[in-house]
Amino acid sequence: MYLSDLKRGEEGIIKKINLEGNIKVRLQDMGFIPGNRVKCVLISPFNDPKAYLINGTTLSIRKKDALEIEVDRFE
């Protein structure tokens, strides 16, 4: 599944980031690396973007980028 599939309150474990260039580096710098837990905490009125909690920081990510981050649902 992908990061964009998480519903509000759901958590996942990052498996892989299928992005290239600066956006991948920026996300990795903010904690989006394989093995880290991420939680969907807020969803905008039109479902894009969504806000995710990772390493104690809340970040807003556009759906087109969240579709490139593979996660396993954390239970």
Protein backbone atom coordinates (compact mmCIF):
# COMPACT_ATOMS: atom_id res chain seq x y z
CA MET A 1 0.00 0.00 0.00
CA TYR A 2 1.02 3.62 -0.25
CA LEU A 3 1.27 6.47 2.24
CA SER A 4 -1.71 8.14 0.56
CA ASP A 5 -3.86 5.08 1.45
CA LEU A 6 -3.56 5.69 5.20
CA LYS A 7 -6.73 7.05 6.76
CA ARG A 8 -6.75 9.52 9.63
CA GLY A 9 -5.38 7.83 12.74
CA GLU A 10 -3.77 4.92 10.89
CA GLU A 11 -0.07 4.17 11.10
CA GLY A 12 2.36 2.54 8.73
CA ILE A 13 5.98 1.49 8.45
CA ILE A 14 7.86 3.01 5.52
CA LYS A 15 9.13 0.37 3.07
CA LYS A 16 10.41 2.30 0.07
CA ILE A 17 10.44 5.78 -1.47
CA ASN A 18 9.98 5.72 -5.25
CA LEU A 19 10.95 9.35 -5.82
CA GLU A 20 14.10 10.86 -7.28
CA GLY A 21 16.11 14.02 -6.78
CA ASN A 22 15.61 16.80 -4.27
CA ILE A 23 12.18 15.72 -3.06
CA LYS A 24 13.51 12.29 -2.05
CA VAL A 25 16.46 13.83 -0.23
CA ARG A 26 14.21 16.34 1.58
CA LEU A 27 11.80 13.63 2.69
CA GLN A 28 14.66 11.45 3.92
CA ASP A 29 16.11 14.41 5.83
CA MET A 30 12.73 14.79 7.56
CA GLY A 31 12.66 11.14 8.61
CA PHE A 32 10.98 9.36 5.71
CA ILE A 33 13.36 6.42 5.63
CA PRO A 34 12.56 2.71 5.47
CA GLY A 35 11.68 1.27 8.86
CA ASN A 36 10.29 4.48 10.39
CA ARG A 37 6.70 4.69 11.62
CA VAL A 38 4.40 7.31 10.16
CA LYS A 39 0.86 8.27 11.18
CA CYS A 40 -1.81 10.13 9.21
CA VAL A 41 -3.03 12.87 11.55
CA LEU A 42 -4.93 15.38 9.39
CA ILE A 43 -6.73 15.36 6.05
CA SER A 44 -7.55 18.57 4.19
CA PRO A 45 -11.16 19.15 3.06
CA PHE A 46 -10.49 17.92 -0.49
CA ASN A 47 -8.26 14.99 0.62
CA ASP A 48 -5.09 16.67 -0.66
CA PRO A 49 -2.74 17.24 1.04
CA LYS A 50 -2.66 15.05 4.13
CA ALA A 51 -0.55 15.68 7.24
CA TYR A 52 1.61 12.92 8.68
CA LEU A 53 3.38 12.60 12.02
CA ILE A 54 6.90 11.21 11.82
CA ASN A 55 9.68 11.50 14.41
CA GLY A 56 7.60 13.98 16.43
CA THR A 57 7.10 16.34 13.50
CA THR A 58 3.91 16.90 11.50
CA LEU A 59 4.45 17.30 7.76
CA SER A 60 2.00 17.96 4.95
CA ILE A 61 2.53 15.90 1.80
CA ARG A 62 0.72 16.14 -1.52
CA LYS A 63 -1.10 13.05 -2.74
CA LYS A 64 1.08 12.76 -5.87
CA ASP A 65 4.18 12.42 -3.66
CA ALA A 66 2.46 10.20 -1.06
CA LEU A 67 1.59 7.78 -3.88
CA GLU A 68 5.33 7.20 -4.33
CA ILE A 69 5.98 6.14 -0.71
CA GLU A 70 5.32 2.47 -0.01
CA VAL A 71 4.23 1.52 3.51
CA ASP A 72 3.02 -1.51 5.45
CA ARG A 73 0.06 -0.83 7.73
CA PHE A 74 1.16 -0.88 11.36
CA GLU A 75 -1.11 -2.78 13.72
